[in-house]
């Protein structure tokens, strides 16, 4: 379970895409992957070579890097989120297409595309595979994805059809439930959408897609279910003060994520918010905070870093520390 939120700087035009990662344990840490990195798919052991450098969170597993989220050298940001009862995976591979395990798509998108439009143009050539014929059995991996770039275009990538469906998402919020349109429709009980949103004509970089009128509307629910988190995140995102710049956008994201950050509660649920992260598309800054840490790590995908030829994994302390005064 996870929650994704976009904030846009109104003065500097920055786009900050943030998320919680809800999982039973922390298994991802910040990493850098270089250009021309060779990796193999767990589906068929096919070797691929990346085009672009990227910075994000994930881990190395065998001959591949599993990326949960990140940003590449062109400012394309991608996140993967669990997808409750939603994925329709391909059983029989189509000759001539790329065949990936579902959890490999986020790394592939970050490593090979420069924009949301490039993803849209090429998505029909990718199949996300069930493990019927895979070399490694990975079960029915249910994921969907958020993607954003410096133009401000943000979409949901959902394997509910073949070709994979791309859904425009000017609301800039995503959680884990299937039927994205149904999640949007449920919001009408809590918010009033603008005519542009209702008509599908929201311009790029519109900071809000609701009128601000909540008269007679319901109060958002307080649970941590995907549907409740979606409503709460959208409701607060539409009402928070608009940020001026990247720093303020990041700050907004962290406060918004506070409302959906799942506390560790082993006796009641297996997952909790093991980390939260954000990327800024323009500066290629990556922000990361594991569950126990009270400070945020900031790493930039600089031009110098892009020239490096080996992966880097950054160790971040997941512990409580204090700034003490005597």
Protein backbone atom coordinates (compact mmCIF):
# COMPACT_ATOMS: atom_id res chain seq x y z
CA UNK A 1 0.00 0.00 0.00
CA UNK A 2 1.28 3.48 -0.87
CA UNK A 3 0.14 7.05 -1.49
CA UNK A 4 1.43 9.42 -4.20
CA UNK A 5 1.00 13.23 -4.29
CA UNK A 6 2.17 15.94 -6.72
CA UNK A 7 2.90 19.55 -5.77
CA UNK A 8 3.81 22.35 -8.22
CA UNK A 9 5.84 25.45 -7.33
CA UNK A 10 3.84 28.48 -8.45
CA UNK A 11 6.87 30.77 -8.89
CA UNK A 12 9.74 28.50 -9.95
CA UNK A 13 7.55 25.95 -11.79
CA UNK A 14 9.05 22.98 -9.97
CA UNK A 15 7.26 19.63 -9.93
CA UNK A 16 7.68 17.53 -6.79
CA UNK A 17 6.25 14.03 -6.85
CA UNK A 18 6.18 12.40 -3.41
CA UNK A 19 5.08 9.07 -2.02
CA UNK A 20 4.87 6.81 0.99
CA UNK A 21 6.13 3.25 0.60
CA UNK A 22 3.95 0.94 2.68
CA UNK A 23 5.48 -2.52 3.08
CA UNK A 24 6.10 -5.09 5.83
CA UNK A 25 9.79 -4.14 6.12
CA UNK A 26 12.28 -1.65 4.76
CA UNK A 27 13.94 -3.19 1.71
CA UNK A 28 14.80 -0.16 -0.41
CA UNK A 29 17.44 2.52 -0.05
CA UNK A 30 18.63 5.35 -2.30
CA UNK A 31 20.66 4.26 -5.31
CA UNK A 32 22.17 5.61 -8.50
CA UNK A 33 22.13 3.58 -11.73
CA UNK A 34 24.39 4.68 -14.61
CA UNK A 35 23.86 4.82 -18.33
CA UNK A 36 24.57 1.60 -20.23
CA UNK A 37 23.82 -0.55 -17.20
CA UNK A 38 23.30 -4.20 -18.17
CA UNK A 39 20.54 -6.13 -16.42
CA UNK A 40 18.47 -9.25 -16.99
CA UNK A 41 14.74 -9.77 -16.58
CA UNK A 42 13.61 -12.44 -14.15
CA UNK A 43 10.89 -13.38 -16.64
CA UNK A 44 13.08 -14.79 -19.43
CA UNK A 45 16.67 -13.82 -18.54
CA UNK A 46 16.69 -11.41 -21.50
CA UNK A 47 19.52 -8.89 -21.21
CA UNK A 48 18.78 -5.18 -21.51
CA UNK A 49 21.07 -2.14 -21.54
CA UNK A 50 19.81 1.14 -20.12
CA UNK A 51 19.99 4.49 -21.94
CA UNK A 52 19.77 7.02 -19.12
CA UNK A 53 21.14 7.51 -15.62
CA UNK A 54 18.68 7.60 -12.73
CA UNK A 55 18.45 8.19 -9.01
CA UNK A 56 15.85 6.59 -6.76
CA UNK A 57 15.10 4.00 -4.11
CA UNK A 58 15.37 0.27 -4.52
CA UNK A 59 17.71 -2.66 -4.16
CA UNK A 60 19.92 -4.93 -6.21
CA UNK A 61 18.47 -8.39 -6.74
CA UNK A 62 20.63 -10.76 -8.73
CA UNK A 63 21.29 -9.26 -12.15
CA UNK A 64 18.82 -6.39 -11.88
CA UNK A 65 17.98 -3.33 -9.80
CA UNK A 66 14.45 -3.14 -8.44
CA UNK A 67 13.43 0.54 -8.49
CA UNK A 68 10.48 1.58 -6.36
CA UNK A 69 10.62 5.22 -7.48
CA UNK A 70 13.05 7.76 -8.83
CA UNK A 71 13.99 10.43 -11.36
CA UNK A 72 16.22 10.21 -14.41
CA UNK A 73 18.57 12.64 -16.12
CA UNK A 74 15.73 14.19 -18.14
CA UNK A 75 13.55 14.80 -15.09
CA UNK A 76 11.14 11.95 -15.72
CA UNK A 77 9.81 10.70 -12.37
CA UNK A 78 8.22 7.27 -11.91
CA UNK A 79 6.77 5.48 -8.89
CA UNK A 80 5.35 2.00 -8.51
CA UNK A 81 2.49 1.33 -6.10
CA UNK A 82 0.64 -1.81 -5.16
CA UNK A 83 -2.63 -2.26 -7.05
CA UNK A 84 -5.40 -4.10 -5.20
CA UNK A 85 -7.12 -6.71 -7.39
CA UNK A 86 -6.34 -4.72 -10.52
CA UNK A 87 -3.57 -6.19 -12.68
CA UNK A 88 -4.39 -8.16 -15.81
CA UNK A 89 -1.07 -9.78 -16.65
CA UNK A 90 -0.21 -11.40 -19.97
CA UNK A 91 -0.05 -15.20 -19.97
CA UNK A 92 1.36 -15.89 -23.44
CA UNK A 93 4.17 -13.62 -24.70
CA UNK A 94 3.64 -11.89 -28.03
CA UNK A 95 6.62 -12.26 -30.39
CA UNK A 96 8.47 -8.99 -31.01
CA UNK A 97 7.40 -7.31 -27.78
CA UNK A 98 9.33 -6.66 -24.56
CA UNK A 99 8.34 -9.04 -21.78
CA UNK A 100 8.90 -7.90 -18.20
CA UNK A 101 7.91 -8.97 -14.73
CA UNK A 102 5.52 -6.27 -13.45
CA UNK A 103 7.93 -5.01 -10.79
CA UNK A 104 10.60 -4.36 -13.46
CA UNK A 105 8.59 -1.71 -15.31
CA UNK A 106 9.49 1.26 -13.09
CA UNK A 107 13.23 0.73 -13.58
CA UNK A 108 12.74 0.21 -17.32
CA UNK A 109 10.72 3.43 -17.72
CA UNK A 110 13.21 5.52 -15.78
CA UNK A 111 16.17 4.04 -17.64
CA UNK A 112 14.83 4.38 -21.19
CA UNK A 113 12.35 7.25 -21.58
CA UNK A 114 12.74 11.02 -21.43
CA UNK A 115 9.11 12.05 -20.93
CA UNK A 116 5.58 10.93 -20.25
CA UNK A 117 4.83 11.28 -23.95
CA UNK A 118 7.64 8.86 -24.86
CA UNK A 119 6.13 6.31 -22.47
CA UNK A 120 2.72 6.74 -24.09
CA UNK A 121 4.19 6.37 -27.57
CA UNK A 122 5.93 3.09 -26.75
CA UNK A 123 3.76 1.41 -24.11
CA UNK A 124 2.10 -0.87 -26.67
CA UNK A 125 5.45 -2.61 -27.16
CA UNK A 126 5.67 -3.72 -23.51
CA UNK A 127 3.89 -6.69 -21.95
CA UNK A 128 3.80 -7.26 -18.19
CA UNK A 129 3.88 -10.99 -17.74
CA UNK A 130 2.27 -13.49 -15.42
CA UNK A 131 4.75 -16.04 -14.16
CA UNK A 132 3.24 -18.91 -16.20
CA UNK A 133 6.37 -19.20 -18.34
CA UNK A 134 8.82 -17.26 -16.20
CA UNK A 135 12.20 -18.61 -15.19
CA UNK A 136 11.58 -17.37 -11.64
CA UNK A 137 8.12 -17.71 -10.08
CA UNK A 138 7.03 -14.40 -8.61
CA UNK A 139 3.29 -14.90 -8.18
CA UNK A 140 0.61 -12.50 -9.34
CA UNK A 141 2.48 -9.23 -8.92
CA UNK A 142 -0.10 -6.45 -8.76
CA UNK A 143 1.28 -2.97 -9.37
CA UNK A 144 0.40 0.26 -11.10
CA UNK A 145 2.57 3.31 -11.68
CA UNK A 146 2.64 7.10 -11.54
CA UNK A 147 4.76 9.07 -14.01
CA UNK A 148 5.44 12.81 -14.23
CA UNK A 149 7.89 15.02 -16.12
CA UNK A 150 9.00 18.68 -16.16
CA UNK A 151 6.11 19.67 -18.45
CA UNK A 152 3.76 18.99 -15.55
CA UNK A 153 2.04 16.11 -17.28
CA UNK A 154 1.20 13.35 -14.81
CA UNK A 155 -0.37 10.01 -15.66
CA UNK A 156 -1.30 6.67 -14.13
CA UNK A 157 0.07 3.57 -15.88
CA UNK A 158 -2.26 0.65 -15.22
CA UNK A 159 -1.94 -2.93 -16.54
CA UNK A 160 -5.70 -3.42 -16.71
CA UNK A 161 -5.76 -3.91 -20.48
CA UNK A 162 -3.39 -4.80 -23.28
CA UNK A 163 -1.86 -2.49 -24.41
CA UNK A 164 -1.28 -1.13 -20.91
CA UNK A 165 -3.67 1.71 -20.11
CA UNK A 166 -2.43 5.29 -19.60
CA UNK A 167 -4.75 7.60 -17.63
CA UNK A 168 -4.27 11.36 -17.39
CA UNK A 169 -4.21 12.42 -13.72
CA UNK A 170 -4.32 16.21 -13.26
CA UNK A 171 -5.55 15.61 -9.69
CA UNK A 172 -2.04 14.37 -8.92
CA UNK A 173 -3.03 11.78 -6.30
CA UNK A 174 -2.81 7.99 -6.46
CA UNK A 175 -3.17 5.14 -3.96
CA UNK A 176 -3.80 1.44 -4.51
CA UNK A 177 -7.39 0.79 -5.55
CA UNK A 178 -8.39 -0.38 -9.00
CA UNK A 179 -10.81 1.47 -11.27
CA UNK A 180 -9.24 4.94 -11.09
CA UNK A 181 -12.40 6.58 -12.47
CA UNK A 182 -14.36 5.05 -9.61
CA UNK A 183 -11.96 6.63 -7.11
CA UNK A 184 -12.44 10.02 -8.78
CA UNK A 185 -16.23 9.61 -8.71
CA UNK A 186 -16.15 8.87 -4.98
CA UNK A 187 -14.44 12.23 -4.41
CA UNK A 188 -17.58 14.08 -5.51
CA UNK A 189 -19.00 13.33 -2.08
CA UNK A 190 -16.21 15.41 -0.52
CA UNK A 191 -15.12 17.99 -3.15
CA UNK A 192 -16.59 19.96 -6.03
CA UNK A 193 -14.63 19.59 -9.28
CA UNK A 194 -14.09 22.46 -11.71
CA UNK A 195 -15.88 22.37 -15.07
CA UNK A 196 -12.49 21.91 -16.77
CA UNK A 197 -11.86 18.77 -14.75
CA UNK A 198 -15.35 17.45 -15.46
CA UNK A 199 -14.81 18.07 -19.19
CA UNK A 200 -11.30 16.64 -19.32
CA UNK A 201 -9.80 20.01 -20.33
CA UNK A 202 -7.60 20.82 -17.33
CA UNK A 203 -4.52 22.69 -18.60
CA UNK A 204 -1.06 21.50 -17.67
CA UNK A 205 0.17 22.72 -14.28
CA UNK A 206 -3.25 23.58 -12.92
CA UNK A 207 -2.53 23.65 -9.17
CA UNK A 208 -6.08 22.68 -8.23
CA UNK A 209 -8.92 20.87 -9.97
CA UNK A 210 -11.70 21.66 -7.46
CA UNK A 211 -13.59 24.89 -6.76
CA UNK A 212 -12.84 25.03 -3.02
CA UNK A 213 -16.55 24.81 -2.22
CA UNK A 214 -17.16 22.05 0.33
CA UNK A 215 -20.53 23.31 1.55
CA UNK A 216 -22.76 20.34 2.25
CA UNK A 217 -19.95 17.89 1.53
CA UNK A 218 -18.90 15.00 3.72
CA UNK A 219 -15.85 14.94 5.99
CA UNK A 220 -13.07 12.65 4.68
CA UNK A 221 -12.73 9.22 6.33
CA UNK A 222 -9.88 8.54 8.74
CA UNK A 223 -8.87 4.95 8.04
CA UNK A 224 -5.74 3.76 6.22
CA UNK A 225 -7.56 1.81 3.51
CA UNK A 226 -6.56 2.71 -0.07
CA UNK A 227 -9.90 4.40 -0.72
CA UNK A 228 -9.78 6.44 2.47
CA UNK A 229 -6.19 7.52 1.88
CA UNK A 230 -7.06 8.59 -1.66
CA UNK A 231 -9.94 10.76 -0.44
CA UNK A 232 -7.98 12.26 2.45
CA UNK A 233 -4.89 13.01 0.35
CA UNK A 234 -6.93 14.61 -2.43
CA UNK A 235 -9.06 16.63 0.00
CA UNK A 236 -6.05 18.08 1.81
CA UNK A 237 -4.00 18.55 -1.37
CA UNK A 238 -6.80 20.69 -2.83
CA UNK A 239 -6.97 22.86 0.31
CA UNK A 240 -3.33 23.33 1.33
CA UNK A 241 -1.65 26.68 0.55
CA UNK A 242 0.01 26.59 -2.85
CA UNK A 243 3.83 26.38 -2.70
CA UNK A 244 6.10 28.98 -4.30
CA UNK A 245 9.12 26.83 -5.05
CA UNK A 246 10.67 23.37 -4.77
CA UNK A 247 11.42 23.66 -1.06
CA UNK A 248 7.88 24.73 -0.26
CA UNK A 249 6.49 22.03 -2.57
CA UNK A 250 8.55 19.40 -0.76
CA UNK A 251 7.36 20.79 2.59
CA UNK A 252 3.74 20.59 1.42
CA UNK A 253 4.24 17.02 0.30
CA UNK A 254 5.62 15.96 3.67
CA UNK A 255 2.72 17.55 5.54
CA UNK A 256 0.20 15.97 3.17
CA UNK A 257 1.86 12.58 3.53
CA UNK A 258 1.61 12.95 7.31
CA UNK A 259 -2.14 12.41 6.88
CA UNK A 260 -1.65 9.04 5.17
CA UNK A 261 1.61 7.85 6.74
CA UNK A 262 0.76 4.42 8.18
CA UNK A 263 2.22 3.79 11.66
CA UNK A 264 3.78 0.45 12.51
CA UNK A 265 1.15 -1.70 14.18
CA UNK A 266 2.30 -5.32 14.01
CA UNK A 267 -0.69 -6.72 15.88
CA UNK A 268 -3.19 -5.23 13.47
CA UNK A 269 -1.68 -4.96 9.98
CA UNK A 270 1.44 -6.29 8.24
CA UNK A 271 2.40 -3.11 6.39
CA UNK A 272 3.44 0.36 7.48
CA UNK A 273 5.11 3.36 5.84
CA UNK A 274 8.68 2.05 5.79
CA UNK A 275 9.89 5.19 4.00
CA UNK A 276 8.69 8.23 2.16
CA UNK A 277 10.41 9.88 -0.75
CA UNK A 278 10.05 12.74 -3.21
CA UNK A 279 11.69 13.78 -6.45
CA UNK A 280 11.92 17.21 -8.05
CA UNK A 281 11.75 16.84 -11.83
CA UNK A 282 13.66 20.04 -12.65
CA UNK A 283 16.54 19.92 -10.16
CA UNK A 284 16.67 16.09 -10.10
CA UNK A 285 16.80 16.21 -6.32
CA UNK A 286 15.80 13.04 -4.49
CA UNK A 287 14.45 13.21 -0.92
CA UNK A 288 14.30 10.12 1.28
CA UNK A 289 13.26 9.46 4.88
CA UNK A 290 12.98 5.97 6.41
CA UNK A 291 10.39 5.28 9.10
CA UNK A 292 12.46 5.87 12.23
CA UNK A 293 14.57 8.78 10.95
CA UNK A 294 13.42 12.29 11.79
CA UNK A 295 15.61 14.04 9.22
CA UNK A 296 15.46 13.83 5.43
CA UNK A 297 18.30 12.77 3.12
CA UNK A 298 18.68 14.87 -0.02
CA UNK A 299 20.70 13.59 -3.01
CA UNK A 300 20.99 15.31 -6.37
CA UNK A 301 21.44 13.62 -9.71
CA UNK A 302 24.11 16.04 -10.84
CA UNK A 303 25.77 16.24 -14.25
CA UNK A 304 28.94 14.86 -12.66
CA UNK A 305 27.07 11.90 -11.16
CA UNK A 306 25.48 11.13 -14.53
CA UNK A 307 28.97 10.54 -15.95
CA UNK A 308 29.72 7.79 -13.43
CA UNK A 309 29.82 4.25 -14.79
CA UNK A 310 29.02 2.11 -11.73
CA UNK A 311 25.91 1.88 -9.53
CA UNK A 312 25.96 3.49 -6.10
CA UNK A 313 23.87 2.45 -3.10
CA UNK A 314 23.56 4.95 -0.27
CA UNK A 315 23.30 3.69 3.31
CA UNK A 316 20.84 5.77 5.30
CA UNK A 317 20.46 5.31 9.05
CA UNK A 318 16.94 4.24 9.99
CA UNK A 319 17.02 5.40 13.58
CA UNK A 320 15.85 8.23 15.80
CA UNK A 321 18.40 10.99 16.35
CA UNK A 322 18.09 14.33 18.11
CA UNK A 323 19.49 17.79 17.76
CA UNK A 324 20.41 18.53 21.37
CA UNK A 325 21.02 21.85 23.10
CA UNK A 326 22.65 22.31 26.48
